[in-house]
Amino acid sequence: MELFLKNRFWVETEQGKFLGEGRIELLELIQKLGSISKAASAMKMAYRKAWGLCQSMNEQSPKPLLIQQTEGKRGGGTQVTEDGKRAIQVYRKLQQNLKLYSATQNDLLKTL
Protein backbone atom coordinates (compact mmCIF):
# COMPACT_ATOMS: atom_id res chain seq x y z
CA MET A 1 0.00 0.00 0.00
CA GLU A 2 1.41 3.38 -1.00
CA LEU A 3 1.32 6.26 1.45
CA PHE A 4 1.02 9.88 0.39
CA LEU A 5 0.71 13.21 2.12
CA LYS A 6 -2.60 15.02 1.87
CA ASN A 7 -3.46 18.35 3.46
CA ARG A 8 -5.89 21.22 3.79
CA PHE A 9 -5.16 24.74 4.86
CA TRP A 10 -6.85 28.03 5.57
CA VAL A 11 -5.81 31.60 6.19
CA GLU A 12 -6.65 33.25 9.50
CA THR A 13 -6.62 36.72 10.98
CA GLU A 14 -6.84 37.67 14.66
CA GLN A 15 -10.61 37.39 14.20
CA GLY A 16 -10.47 33.76 13.04
CA LYS A 17 -10.83 31.97 9.74
CA PHE A 18 -10.54 34.32 6.78
CA LEU A 19 -10.07 32.18 3.66
CA GLY A 20 -10.38 28.45 3.11
CA GLU A 21 -11.48 26.08 0.38
CA GLY A 22 -15.21 26.61 0.97
CA ARG A 23 -14.96 30.39 1.12
CA ILE A 24 -12.85 30.50 -2.04
CA GLU A 25 -15.35 28.24 -3.82
CA LEU A 26 -18.11 30.60 -2.71
CA LEU A 27 -16.21 33.62 -4.09
CA GLU A 28 -15.59 31.81 -7.38
CA LEU A 29 -19.27 30.92 -7.73
CA ILE A 30 -20.36 34.48 -6.91
CA GLN A 31 -17.96 35.69 -9.58
CA LYS A 32 -19.42 33.22 -12.07
CA LEU A 33 -23.12 33.52 -11.14
CA GLY A 34 -23.33 37.13 -9.99
CA SER A 35 -25.19 36.56 -6.73
CA ILE A 36 -24.74 35.15 -3.25
CA SER A 37 -28.06 33.29 -3.38
CA LYS A 38 -27.21 31.54 -6.66
CA ALA A 39 -23.75 30.64 -5.39
CA ALA A 40 -25.19 29.33 -2.10
CA SER A 41 -27.74 27.27 -3.99
CA ALA A 42 -25.03 25.80 -6.23
CA MET A 43 -23.11 24.79 -3.11
CA LYS A 44 -26.26 23.46 -1.40
CA MET A 45 -25.65 25.99 1.37
CA ALA A 46 -28.20 28.10 3.18
CA TYR A 47 -28.25 31.70 1.98
CA ARG A 48 -27.91 32.93 5.55
CA LYS A 49 -24.67 30.95 6.01
CA ALA A 50 -23.27 32.17 2.67
CA TRP A 51 -24.15 35.76 3.57
CA GLY A 52 -22.41 35.37 6.92
CA LEU A 53 -19.27 34.00 5.27
CA CYS A 54 -19.23 36.89 2.79
CA GLN A 55 -19.72 39.42 5.56
CA SER A 56 -16.92 37.81 7.59
CA MET A 57 -14.50 37.91 4.65
CA ASN A 58 -15.30 41.55 3.93
CA GLU A 59 -14.88 42.53 7.59
CA GLN A 60 -11.49 40.82 7.89
CA SER A 61 -10.09 42.08 4.59
CA PRO A 62 -8.36 45.47 4.38
CA LYS A 63 -10.48 46.15 1.28
CA PRO A 64 -13.85 44.59 0.39
CA LEU A 65 -13.73 41.31 -1.53
CA LEU A 66 -17.38 41.65 -2.54
CA ILE A 67 -19.71 44.53 -3.30
CA GLN A 68 -23.47 44.38 -3.59
CA GLN A 69 -25.33 46.18 -6.31
CA THR A 70 -28.92 47.15 -5.67
CA GLU A 71 -29.64 48.76 -9.02
CA GLY A 72 -30.00 47.40 -12.51
CA LYS A 73 -32.49 45.63 -14.71
CA ARG A 74 -32.44 42.48 -12.59
CA GLY A 75 -32.47 44.24 -9.24
CA GLY A 76 -28.79 43.99 -8.41
CA GLY A 77 -26.48 41.21 -7.40
CA THR A 78 -23.03 40.78 -5.96
CA GLN A 79 -19.69 41.32 -7.62
CA VAL A 80 -16.26 40.07 -6.64
CA THR A 81 -13.93 43.08 -6.46
CA GLU A 82 -10.41 43.18 -7.88
CA ASP A 83 -9.17 42.52 -4.34
CA GLY A 84 -11.51 39.52 -4.16
CA LYS A 85 -10.16 38.20 -7.46
CA ARG A 86 -6.62 38.65 -6.16
CA ALA A 87 -7.55 36.76 -2.97
CA ILE A 88 -8.80 33.85 -5.10
CA GLN A 89 -5.60 33.85 -7.17
CA VAL A 90 -3.31 34.02 -4.14
CA TYR A 91 -5.20 31.24 -2.34
CA ARG A 92 -5.11 28.98 -5.41
CA LYS A 93 -1.37 29.66 -5.85
CA LEU A 94 -0.72 28.83 -2.19
CA GLN A 95 -2.76 25.66 -2.64
CA GLN A 96 -0.73 24.68 -5.71
CA ASN A 97 2.57 25.41 -3.92
CA LEU A 98 1.52 23.32 -0.92
CA LYS A 99 0.52 20.44 -3.17
CA LEU A 100 3.90 20.56 -4.94
CA TYR A 101 5.75 20.70 -1.61
CA SER A 102 3.72 17.79 -0.25
CA ALA A 103 4.61 15.71 -3.30
CA THR A 104 8.30 16.25 -2.56
CA GLN A 105 7.79 14.86 0.94
CA ASN A 106 6.17 11.59 -0.13
CA ASP A 107 9.59 9.89 -0.32
CA LEU A 108 9.92 10.36 3.43
CA LEU A 109 6.73 8.35 3.92
CA LYS A 110 8.35 5.40 2.12
CA THR A 111 10.61 4.99 5.12
CA LEU A 112 7.68 3.91 7.30
C-alpha atoms as a PDB file:
ATOM      1  CA  MET A   1       0.000   0.000   0.000  1.00  0.00           C
ATOM      2  CA  GLU A   2       1.410   3.383  -0.998  1.00  0.00           C
ATOM      3  CA  LEU A   3       1.316   6.263   1.447  1.00  0.00           C
ATOM      4  CA  PHE A   4       1.019   9.879   0.386  1.00  0.00           C
ATOM      5  CA  LEU A   5       0.712  13.211   2.116  1.00  0.00           C
ATOM      6  CA  LYS A   6      -2.604  15.021   1.867  1.00  0.00           C
ATOM      7  CA  ASN A   7      -3.458  18.352   3.460  1.00  0.00           C
ATOM      8  CA  ARG A   8      -5.894  21.218   3.789  1.00  0.00           C
ATOM      9  CA  PHE A   9      -5.159  24.744   4.860  1.00  0.00           C
ATOM     10  CA  TRP A  10      -6.847  28.031   5.569  1.00  0.00           C
ATOM     11  CA  VAL A  11      -5.809  31.604   6.192  1.00  0.00           C
ATOM     12  CA  GLU A  12      -6.652  33.249   9.496  1.00  0.00           C
ATOM     13  CA  THR A  13      -6.622  36.722  10.978  1.00  0.00           C
ATOM     14  CA  GLU A  14      -6.836  37.667  14.658  1.00  0.00           C
ATOM     15  CA  GLN A  15     -10.615  37.390  14.196  1.00  0.00           C
ATOM     16  CA  GLY A  16     -10.473  33.764  13.042  1.00  0.00           C
ATOM     17  CA  LYS A  17     -10.834  31.975   9.737  1.00  0.00           C
ATOM     18  CA  PHE A  18     -10.539  34.322   6.777  1.00  0.00           C
ATOM     19  CA  LEU A  19     -10.072  32.182   3.660  1.00  0.00           C
ATOM     20  CA  GLY A  20     -10.379  28.453   3.110  1.00  0.00           C
ATOM     21  CA  GLU A  21     -11.476  26.076   0.378  1.00  0.00           C
ATOM     22  CA  GLY A  22     -15.206  26.614   0.967  1.00  0.00           C
ATOM     23  CA  ARG A  23     -14.959  30.390   1.122  1.00  0.00           C
ATOM     24  CA  ILE A  24     -12.853  30.496  -2.035  1.00  0.00           C
ATOM     25  CA  GLU A  25     -15.347  28.239  -3.822  1.00  0.00           C
ATOM     26  CA  LEU A  26     -18.110  30.598  -2.710  1.00  0.00           C
ATOM     27  CA  LEU A  27     -16.211  33.623  -4.091  1.00  0.00           C
ATOM     28  CA  GLU A  28     -15.594  31.805  -7.379  1.00  0.00           C
ATOM     29  CA  LEU A  29     -19.270  30.924  -7.734  1.00  0.00           C
ATOM     30  CA  ILE A  30     -20.356  34.475  -6.905  1.00  0.00           C
ATOM     31  CA  GLN A  31     -17.957  35.693  -9.579  1.00  0.00           C
ATOM     32  CA  LYS A  32     -19.421  33.219 -12.066  1.00  0.00           C
ATOM     33  CA  LEU A  33     -23.123  33.519 -11.144  1.00  0.00           C
ATOM     34  CA  GLY A  34     -23.326  37.130  -9.986  1.00  0.00           C
ATOM     35  CA  SER A  35     -25.188  36.565  -6.733  1.00  0.00           C
ATOM     36  CA  ILE A  36     -24.740  35.148  -3.255  1.00  0.00           C
ATOM     37  CA  SER A  37     -28.058  33.287  -3.380  1.00  0.00           C
ATOM     38  CA  LYS A  38     -27.214  31.540  -6.660  1.00  0.00           C
ATOM     39  CA  ALA A  39     -23.751  30.640  -5.388  1.00  0.00           C
ATOM     40  CA  ALA A  40     -25.188  29.331  -2.104  1.00  0.00           C
ATOM     41  CA  SER A  41     -27.739  27.268  -3.985  1.00  0.00           C
ATOM     42  CA  ALA A  42     -25.033  25.797  -6.227  1.00  0.00           C
ATOM     43  CA  MET A  43     -23.112  24.792  -3.105  1.00  0.00           C
ATOM     44  CA  LYS A  44     -26.258  23.456  -1.400  1.00  0.00           C
ATOM     45  CA  MET A  45     -25.651  25.994   1.366  1.00  0.00           C
ATOM     46  CA  ALA A  46     -28.202  28.104   3.180  1.00  0.00           C
ATOM     47  CA  TYR A  47     -28.254  31.700   1.977  1.00  0.00           C
ATOM     48  CA  ARG A  48     -27.909  32.929   5.547  1.00  0.00           C
ATOM     49  CA  LYS A  49     -24.673  30.946   6.006  1.00  0.00           C
ATOM     50  CA  ALA A  50     -23.273  32.175   2.670  1.00  0.00           C
ATOM     51  CA  TRP A  51     -24.150  35.757   3.565  1.00  0.00           C
ATOM     52  CA  GLY A  52     -22.412  35.368   6.920  1.00  0.00           C
ATOM     53  CA  LEU A  53     -19.270  33.998   5.271  1.00  0.00           C
ATOM     54  CA  CYS A  54     -19.234  36.885   2.787  1.00  0.00           C
ATOM     55  CA  GLN A  55     -19.724  39.415   5.561  1.00  0.00           C
ATOM     56  CA  SER A  56     -16.921  37.813   7.593  1.00  0.00           C
ATOM     57  CA  MET A  57     -14.497  37.913   4.653  1.00  0.00           C
ATOM     58  CA  ASN A  58     -15.299  41.551   3.930  1.00  0.00           C
ATOM     59  CA  GLU A  59     -14.883  42.531   7.591  1.00  0.00           C
ATOM     60  CA  GLN A  60     -11.493  40.820   7.887  1.00  0.00           C
ATOM     61  CA  SER A  61     -10.092  42.078   4.592  1.00  0.00           C
ATOM     62  CA  PRO A  62      -8.356  45.474   4.383  1.00  0.00           C
ATOM     63  CA  LYS A  63     -10.477  46.154   1.283  1.00  0.00           C
ATOM     64  CA  PRO A  64     -13.855  44.588   0.386  1.00  0.00           C
ATOM     65  CA  LEU A  65     -13.728  41.312  -1.531  1.00  0.00           C
ATOM     66  CA  LEU A  66     -17.383  41.652  -2.536  1.00  0.00           C
ATOM     67  CA  ILE A  67     -19.710  44.529  -3.301  1.00  0.00           C
ATOM     68  CA  GLN A  68     -23.467  44.380  -3.587  1.00  0.00           C
ATOM     69  CA  GLN A  69     -25.327  46.181  -6.306  1.00  0.00           C
ATOM     70  CA  THR A  70     -28.917  47.154  -5.666  1.00  0.00           C
ATOM     71  CA  GLU A  71     -29.638  48.755  -9.025  1.00  0.00           C
ATOM     72  CA  GLY A  72     -30.002  47.395 -12.509  1.00  0.00           C
ATOM     73  CA  LYS A  73     -32.493  45.626 -14.709  1.00  0.00           C
ATOM     74  CA  ARG A  74     -32.443  42.477 -12.595  1.00  0.00           C
ATOM     75  CA  GLY A  75     -32.473  44.244  -9.242  1.00  0.00           C
ATOM     76  CA  GLY A  76     -28.789  43.988  -8.414  1.00  0.00           C
ATOM     77  CA  GLY A  77     -26.483  41.210  -7.399  1.00  0.00           C
ATOM     78  CA  THR A  78     -23.032  40.777  -5.957  1.00  0.00           C
ATOM     79  CA  GLN A  79     -19.691  41.322  -7.617  1.00  0.00           C
ATOM     80  CA  VAL A  80     -16.263  40.073  -6.637  1.00  0.00           C
ATOM     81  CA  THR A  81     -13.932  43.082  -6.463  1.00  0.00           C
ATOM     82  CA  GLU A  82     -10.412  43.183  -7.875  1.00  0.00           C
ATOM     83  CA  ASP A  83      -9.168  42.523  -4.342  1.00  0.00           C
ATOM     84  CA  GLY A  84     -11.505  39.521  -4.159  1.00  0.00           C
ATOM     85  CA  LYS A  85     -10.159  38.196  -7.462  1.00  0.00           C
ATOM     86  CA  ARG A  86      -6.618  38.652  -6.161  1.00  0.00           C
ATOM     87  CA  ALA A  87      -7.549  36.759  -2.972  1.00  0.00           C
ATOM     88  CA  ILE A  88      -8.797  33.853  -5.104  1.00  0.00           C
ATOM     89  CA  GLN A  89      -5.595  33.853  -7.174  1.00  0.00           C
ATOM     90  CA  VAL A  90      -3.313  34.018  -4.139  1.00  0.00           C
ATOM     91  CA  TYR A  91      -5.203  31.243  -2.342  1.00  0.00           C
ATOM     92  CA  ARG A  92      -5.106  28.979  -5.408  1.00  0.00           C
ATOM     93  CA  LYS A  93      -1.366  29.661  -5.848  1.00  0.00           C
ATOM     94  CA  LEU A  94      -0.717  28.828  -2.191  1.00  0.00           C
ATOM     95  CA  GLN A  95      -2.756  25.661  -2.642  1.00  0.00           C
ATOM     96  CA  GLN A  96      -0.726  24.677  -5.706  1.00  0.00           C
ATOM     97  CA  ASN A  97       2.569  25.407  -3.919  1.00  0.00           C
ATOM     98  CA  LEU A  98       1.519  23.325  -0.916  1.00  0.00           C
ATOM     99  CA  LYS A  99       0.522  20.443  -3.168  1.00  0.00           C
ATOM    100  CA  LEU A 100       3.904  20.555  -4.936  1.00  0.00           C
ATOM    101  CA  TYR A 101       5.749  20.697  -1.611  1.00  0.00           C
ATOM    102  CA  SER A 102       3.723  17.788  -0.252  1.00  0.00           C
ATOM    103  CA  ALA A 103       4.612  15.712  -3.297  1.00  0.00           C
ATOM    104  CA  THR A 104       8.303  16.248  -2.563  1.00  0.00           C
ATOM    105  CA  GLN A 105       7.790  14.863   0.944  1.00  0.00           C
ATOM    106  CA  ASN A 106       6.174  11.595  -0.129  1.00  0.00           C
ATOM    107  CA  ASP A 107       9.586   9.890  -0.315  1.00  0.00           C
ATOM    108  CA  LEU A 108       9.924  10.362   3.429  1.00  0.00           C
ATOM    109  CA  LEU A 109       6.733   8.352   3.922  1.00  0.00           C
ATOM    110  CA  LYS A 110       8.345   5.402   2.116  1.00  0.00           C
ATOM    111  CA  THR A 111      10.614   4.995   5.123  1.00  0.00           C
ATOM    112  CA  LEU A 112       7.681   3.907   7.297  1.00  0.00           C
END
